[in-house]
Protein backbone atom coordinates (compact mmCIF):
# COMPACT_ATOMS: atom_id res chain seq x y z
CA MET A 1 -4.07 -36.89 46.81
CA GLU A 2 -1.35 -35.32 48.93
CA LEU A 3 0.79 -32.76 47.14
CA LYS A 4 4.49 -33.50 46.84
CA PRO A 5 7.00 -31.17 48.52
CA ARG A 6 8.21 -28.53 46.04
CA VAL A 7 11.91 -28.24 45.15
CA PHE A 8 13.59 -25.34 43.35
CA ILE A 9 16.71 -26.32 41.35
CA GLY A 10 19.06 -23.51 40.36
CA SER A 11 22.13 -23.54 38.13
CA SER A 12 23.98 -21.57 35.51
CA SER A 13 23.10 -22.02 31.86
CA GLU A 14 26.24 -24.15 31.51
CA GLY A 15 25.18 -26.35 34.43
CA LEU A 16 21.63 -26.83 33.17
CA ASP A 17 22.27 -30.39 32.00
CA VAL A 18 23.24 -31.36 35.56
CA ALA A 19 20.21 -29.51 36.96
CA LYS A 20 17.94 -31.41 34.56
CA TYR A 21 19.45 -34.67 35.75
CA VAL A 22 18.81 -33.67 39.38
CA LYS A 23 15.19 -32.89 38.50
CA SER A 24 14.76 -36.24 36.77
CA TYR A 25 16.33 -38.14 39.66
CA LEU A 26 14.21 -36.50 42.38
CA GLY A 27 11.02 -36.14 40.34
CA THR A 28 9.40 -39.34 41.59
CA ASP A 29 9.17 -38.16 45.20
CA PHE A 30 9.27 -34.38 44.83
CA ASP A 31 7.65 -31.71 42.67
CA CYS A 32 10.79 -30.23 41.09
CA TYR A 33 11.16 -26.97 39.16
CA LEU A 34 14.21 -25.75 37.28
CA TRP A 35 15.02 -22.05 37.27
CA ASN A 36 13.90 -21.90 33.63
CA ASP A 37 10.56 -23.66 34.20
CA ASP A 38 8.53 -20.43 33.87
CA ILE A 39 9.72 -19.28 37.29
CA PHE A 40 10.71 -15.79 36.21
CA LYS A 41 7.71 -13.66 35.21
CA ASN A 42 7.35 -10.68 32.91
CA ASN A 43 7.34 -7.22 34.52
CA GLU A 44 8.97 -8.56 37.66
CA SER A 45 12.61 -8.23 38.70
CA VAL A 46 14.76 -11.33 39.05
CA PHE A 47 15.45 -10.42 42.68
CA GLU A 48 11.74 -10.08 43.46
CA THR A 49 11.01 -13.44 41.81
CA LEU A 50 13.79 -15.15 43.77
CA LEU A 51 12.48 -13.76 47.06
CA LYS A 52 9.03 -15.18 46.28
CA SER A 53 10.43 -18.48 45.05
CA ALA A 54 12.35 -19.02 48.25
CA SER A 55 9.06 -18.72 50.14
CA LEU A 56 7.01 -20.86 47.75
CA PHE A 57 9.30 -23.89 47.81
CA ASP A 58 10.00 -26.41 50.55
CA PHE A 59 13.60 -27.02 49.43
CA GLY A 60 16.24 -25.43 47.26
CA ILE A 61 19.08 -27.20 45.44
CA MET A 62 21.78 -25.21 43.65
CA VAL A 63 24.18 -26.79 41.16
CA ALA A 64 27.61 -25.15 41.34
CA THR A 65 29.64 -25.93 38.22
CA LYS A 66 33.00 -24.60 37.03
CA ASP A 67 31.78 -21.75 34.84
CA ASP A 68 33.97 -18.74 35.76
CA PHE A 69 37.55 -17.96 36.66
CA LEU A 70 38.36 -16.13 39.89
CA ASN A 71 41.66 -14.51 40.80
CA SER A 72 41.99 -14.52 44.59
CA ARG A 73 45.17 -13.25 46.25
CA GLY A 74 47.27 -13.99 43.22
CA THR A 75 45.85 -17.45 42.61
CA GLU A 76 43.39 -18.29 39.86
CA PHE A 77 40.48 -20.64 40.58
CA GLU A 78 37.60 -22.13 38.64
CA SER A 79 34.46 -20.91 40.38
CA ALA A 80 30.68 -21.09 40.27
CA ARG A 81 28.60 -18.26 38.84
CA ASP A 82 27.80 -15.47 41.29
CA ASN A 83 24.05 -15.90 40.82
CA VAL A 84 24.21 -19.57 41.86
CA VAL A 85 26.05 -18.67 45.07
CA PHE A 86 23.63 -15.80 45.74
CA GLU A 87 20.57 -18.03 45.25
CA TYR A 88 22.04 -20.62 47.60
CA GLY A 89 22.48 -17.96 50.29
CA LEU A 90 18.96 -16.68 49.68
CA PHE A 91 17.44 -20.12 50.18
CA LEU A 92 19.62 -20.72 53.23
CA GLY A 93 18.12 -17.64 54.83
CA ARG A 94 14.55 -18.42 53.83
CA VAL A 95 14.11 -22.17 54.29
CA GLY A 96 17.04 -22.92 56.62
CA PRO A 97 20.32 -24.86 56.32
CA GLY A 98 18.56 -28.22 56.49
CA ARG A 99 16.45 -27.45 53.42
CA ALA A 100 18.94 -25.68 51.14
CA PHE A 101 21.66 -27.66 49.37
CA VAL A 102 24.51 -26.86 47.02
CA ILE A 103 25.89 -29.63 44.79
CA GLN A 104 29.48 -28.76 43.94
CA GLU A 105 31.38 -29.92 40.89
CA GLU A 106 34.81 -31.18 41.90
CA GLY A 107 37.33 -28.35 41.74
CA THR A 108 34.77 -25.54 41.94
CA LYS A 109 35.67 -22.77 44.37
CA LEU A 110 32.91 -21.62 46.72
CA PRO A 111 33.03 -18.68 49.18
CA SER A 112 35.28 -19.17 52.20
CA ASP A 113 32.24 -18.77 54.49
CA LEU A 114 31.31 -22.31 53.47
CA TYR A 115 34.65 -23.80 54.51
CA GLY A 116 34.17 -26.60 57.02
CA ILE A 117 30.69 -27.41 55.70
CA THR A 118 30.36 -30.73 53.94
CA THR A 119 28.89 -30.12 50.49
CA PRO A 120 27.83 -32.87 48.07
CA ARG A 121 30.32 -33.19 45.19
CA PHE A 122 30.23 -34.76 41.77
CA GLU A 123 32.32 -35.15 38.65
CA LYS A 124 30.77 -33.70 35.54
CA LEU A 125 30.78 -36.48 32.96
CA PRO A 126 29.69 -36.44 29.33
CA ASN A 127 27.04 -39.07 30.09
CA LEU A 128 25.42 -38.37 33.47
CA VAL A 129 23.56 -41.70 33.43
CA HIS A 130 26.81 -43.26 34.64
CA ALA A 131 27.57 -40.54 37.19
CA ASP A 132 27.63 -42.87 40.19
CA LYS A 133 29.07 -40.23 42.52
CA LEU A 134 26.28 -37.77 41.67
CA ASN A 135 23.66 -40.49 42.12
CA ASN A 136 25.06 -41.29 45.55
CA GLU A 137 24.92 -37.64 46.62
CA LEU A 138 21.36 -37.28 45.31
CA ARG A 139 20.31 -40.34 47.31
CA LYS A 140 21.65 -38.66 50.45
CA ILE A 141 19.88 -35.38 49.65
CA SER A 142 16.60 -37.20 48.95
CA LYS A 143 16.88 -39.05 52.25
CA SER A 144 17.61 -35.80 54.10
CA MET A 145 14.62 -34.04 52.53
CA LYS A 146 12.29 -36.93 53.37
CA GLU A 147 13.47 -36.79 56.98
CA LYS A 148 12.80 -33.05 57.07
CA ILE A 149 9.23 -33.40 55.85
CA SER A 150 8.58 -36.09 58.46
CA ILE A 151 9.18 -33.65 61.34
CA GLY A 152 7.50 -30.39 62.28
CA GLU A 153 9.60 -27.25 62.17
CA LEU A 154 8.84 -23.60 62.78
CA GLY A 155 8.86 -21.52 59.61
CA LEU A 156 8.17 -17.98 58.44
CA LEU A 157 4.43 -18.73 58.33
CA PRO A 158 2.37 -20.02 61.27
CA SER A 159 1.15 -23.53 60.32
CA THR A 160 3.43 -25.37 62.75
CA ALA A 161 2.57 -23.13 65.72
CA LEU A 162 -1.15 -23.27 64.89
CA ALA A 163 -1.06 -27.07 64.73
CA ILE A 164 0.66 -27.27 68.13
CA GLY A 165 -1.83 -24.86 69.70
CA TYR A 166 -4.84 -26.68 68.24
CA PHE A 167 -3.51 -30.03 69.43
CA ASP A 168 -2.54 -28.89 72.95
CA ASN A 169 -5.63 -26.79 73.63
CA PHE A 170 -8.32 -28.97 72.12
CA VAL A 171 -7.41 -32.37 70.65
CA ALA A 172 -5.22 -33.62 73.49
CA LEU A 173 -7.58 -32.33 76.20
CA THR A 174 -10.62 -33.90 74.55
CA CYS A 175 -8.94 -37.30 74.11
CA GLU A 176 -7.59 -37.28 77.66
CA SER A 177 -11.07 -36.58 79.03
CA LEU A 178 -12.64 -39.36 76.94
CA CYS A 179 -9.97 -41.90 77.91
CA THR A 180 -9.73 -41.12 81.62
CA LYS A 181 -13.47 -40.83 82.27
CA GLY A 182 -14.20 -43.76 80.01
CA GLU A 183 -17.68 -42.67 79.01
CA LEU A 184 -19.73 -39.78 77.69
CA VAL A 185 -23.49 -39.33 78.04
CA VAL A 186 -25.19 -37.83 74.97
CA GLU A 187 -28.94 -37.20 75.07
CA GLY A 188 -29.40 -39.84 77.76
CA LYS A 189 -27.33 -42.48 75.96
CA THR A 190 -24.00 -43.61 77.45
CA PHE A 191 -21.10 -44.22 75.10
CA LYS A 192 -17.89 -45.97 76.09
CA GLU A 193 -16.29 -46.21 72.65
CA PHE A 194 -15.24 -43.23 70.56
CA SER A 195 -13.73 -42.17 67.25
CA PHE A 196 -12.44 -38.66 66.66
CA CYS A 197 -12.17 -37.35 63.09
CA ILE A 198 -10.33 -34.11 62.40
CA VAL A 199 -11.64 -32.78 59.10
CA ILE A 200 -9.10 -30.85 57.03
CA PRO A 201 -10.55 -28.57 54.32
CA ASP A 202 -9.27 -28.91 50.77
CA ASP A 203 -8.32 -25.24 50.68
CA LEU A 204 -8.61 -21.97 52.57
CA ASP A 205 -10.91 -20.28 50.08
CA SER A 206 -13.54 -19.27 52.64
CA ASP A 207 -13.93 -18.51 56.33
CA ILE A 208 -13.21 -21.80 58.13
CA LYS A 209 -15.65 -21.05 60.96
CA LYS A 210 -18.52 -20.68 58.49
CA ARG A 211 -17.27 -23.70 56.57
CA SER A 212 -17.20 -25.77 59.74
CA ASN A 213 -20.77 -24.75 60.60
CA LEU A 214 -21.92 -25.68 57.10
CA PHE A 215 -20.16 -29.05 57.38
CA CYS A 216 -21.85 -29.80 60.71
CA THR A 217 -25.25 -28.71 59.39
CA LYS A 218 -24.89 -30.71 56.19
CA HIS A 219 -24.07 -33.89 58.08
CA LYS A 220 -26.64 -33.23 60.83
CA LEU A 221 -24.08 -33.31 63.61
CA ARG A 222 -25.14 -32.60 67.18
CA GLN A 223 -23.26 -30.31 69.52
CA VAL A 224 -22.70 -31.56 73.06
CA PRO A 225 -20.46 -30.40 75.92
CA ILE A 226 -17.46 -32.33 77.19
CA GLN A 227 -15.71 -31.58 80.48
CA ALA A 228 -11.93 -31.29 80.12
CA ALA A 229 -9.20 -29.51 82.08
CA GLY A 230 -11.68 -27.88 84.43
CA ARG A 231 -13.87 -26.36 81.73
CA SER A 232 -16.54 -27.41 79.29
CA TYR A 233 -15.78 -27.72 75.58
CA PRO A 234 -18.38 -28.03 72.81
CA ILE A 235 -17.85 -30.94 70.44
CA TRP A 236 -19.78 -32.12 67.39
CA VAL A 237 -20.95 -35.73 67.39
CA SER A 238 -22.85 -38.20 65.23
CA TYR A 239 -24.55 -41.48 66.09
CA GLN A 240 -27.49 -43.61 65.10
CA ASP A 241 -29.78 -45.64 67.32
CA GLY A 242 -27.99 -48.84 68.21
CA ASP A 243 -24.49 -47.45 67.63
CA ARG A 244 -21.86 -48.40 70.21
CA VAL A 245 -19.28 -45.91 68.96
CA LEU A 246 -19.77 -42.16 69.30
CA LYS A 247 -18.27 -40.35 66.31
CA ILE A 248 -16.72 -36.96 67.06
CA TYR A 249 -15.87 -34.43 64.34
CA ASP A 250 -13.99 -31.16 64.29
CA MET A 251 -12.71 -28.82 61.57
CA PRO A 252 -9.83 -26.68 62.91
CA THR A 253 -11.08 -23.10 62.70
CA THR A 254 -7.61 -21.95 63.73
CA LEU A 255 -6.68 -22.48 60.07
CA ASN A 256 -8.08 -18.99 59.42
CA GLY A 257 -4.81 -17.72 60.89
CA ILE A 258 -2.83 -19.17 57.98
CA ASP A 259 -4.87 -17.32 55.39
CA ARG A 260 -4.53 -14.01 57.24
CA ALA A 261 -0.80 -14.46 57.78
CA ILE A 262 -0.24 -15.17 54.08
CA GLU A 263 -2.20 -12.06 53.09
CA MET A 264 -0.07 -9.95 55.43
CA TYR A 265 3.14 -11.60 54.22
CA MET A 266 2.32 -10.96 50.57
CA ARG A 267 0.99 -7.46 51.30
CA LYS A 268 -2.16 -8.33 49.45
CA GLY A 269 -4.02 -5.39 47.99
CA HIS A 270 -6.53 -7.12 45.77
CA ILE A 271 -9.53 -9.45 45.79
CA GLY A 272 -8.95 -13.04 44.74
CA LYS A 273 -5.83 -15.18 44.94
CA THR A 274 -2.67 -15.21 42.90
CA GLU A 275 -0.94 -18.45 41.98
CA GLU A 276 1.80 -17.68 44.51
CA GLN A 277 -0.76 -17.18 47.29
CA GLN A 278 -2.45 -20.47 46.45
CA LEU A 279 0.89 -22.30 46.50
CA LEU A 280 1.69 -20.86 49.92
CA GLU A 281 -1.72 -21.92 51.23
CA ASP A 282 -1.27 -25.44 49.90
CA ARG A 283 2.16 -25.70 51.51
CA GLU A 284 1.01 -24.38 54.89
CA LEU A 285 -2.13 -26.55 54.90
CA ARG A 286 0.01 -29.58 54.10
CA ASN A 287 2.45 -28.69 56.88
CA PHE A 288 -0.35 -28.12 59.41
CA THR A 289 -1.70 -31.60 58.66
CA ARG A 290 1.73 -33.21 58.85
CA VAL A 291 2.63 -31.60 62.20
CA LEU A 292 -0.77 -32.47 63.63
CA GLN A 293 -0.35 -36.12 62.60
CA LEU A 294 3.07 -36.24 64.27
CA LEU A 295 1.61 -34.90 67.51
CA ILE A 296 -1.25 -37.41 67.39
CA ASP A 297 1.10 -40.33 66.75
CA ASN A 298 3.18 -39.39 69.80
CA ASP A 299 0.29 -39.11 72.27
CA SER A 300 -0.90 -42.27 74.05
CA TYR A 301 -4.53 -41.15 74.24
CA CYS A 302 -4.83 -39.59 70.81
CA LYS A 303 -3.21 -42.19 68.61
CA HIS A 304 -5.94 -44.74 69.36
CA LEU A 305 -8.85 -42.34 68.86
CA VAL A 306 -7.95 -39.72 66.28
CA GLN A 307 -7.71 -39.84 62.52
CA ILE A 308 -7.26 -36.98 60.09
CA VAL A 309 -9.63 -37.01 57.13
CA ASN A 310 -10.19 -34.87 54.06
CA GLU A 311 -13.29 -32.67 53.90
CA ASN A 312 -14.58 -34.23 50.68
CA ASN A 313 -13.64 -37.81 51.55
CA THR A 314 -15.53 -38.01 54.82
CA SER A 315 -18.34 -40.53 55.20
CA ILE A 316 -20.62 -39.95 58.20
């Protein structure tokens, strides 16, 4: 089952009822966490936790409610709490302006740097079930987040770049060769029909090269060369006597780069994986798969041949 995108929802204590409503509204399509959902750990500073959180989540939503009074140039305003504004800026810097949102209660003053930027607004009512304006803004945010997860974007970690490199340097070249030549001879047998399965591991808990070799050995795949772009590439295939379709399999060993990048990013100095490291791996593995699927769907050769399958749900 595919993991849902993770959303961090921040607010003041006074705005927690609105934040809970946001979590409830978005919870069907997204894995939502409030700031008080065991996010802040013992023996760790709030700042350190926020820095990690901004890297562990796909989106951030901050609820800015009228909790403080601010005197600015002789005029008094009702303003959001400083920590809410700070967390919004932190997520803006980490996940980008298209993935960080602030929901502003009507009449709440925000920093002048945000002037000219359209921010979702709502009226804080005693019974939020009837808050039609808030519901409308949440529908827009949900739509925006779904659009973001349907496209591939570069991030702090390398999954998008690795997916592009794997596609351009192997998948696309292999499919182009199969489609343009129209046939492939394997052990004296000529095949003119093909299927190409990209096998995505469930996790990054071991060396992907060794894992790929074990997968091929377990399923008794045969390695054969294919000529593409002026050079020969090894591919793993499976067929039985009488088969018309040659089945091609590959597990992207480039995924090792994600694991190494995460270890460097987290400055890992221990054996084993923390919960934060596992969450980052899950997110990057999910993003790699999503970007790869987008590239496949937009290539005339690949979209008819290639499917992405899960390591443990592959029947050969």
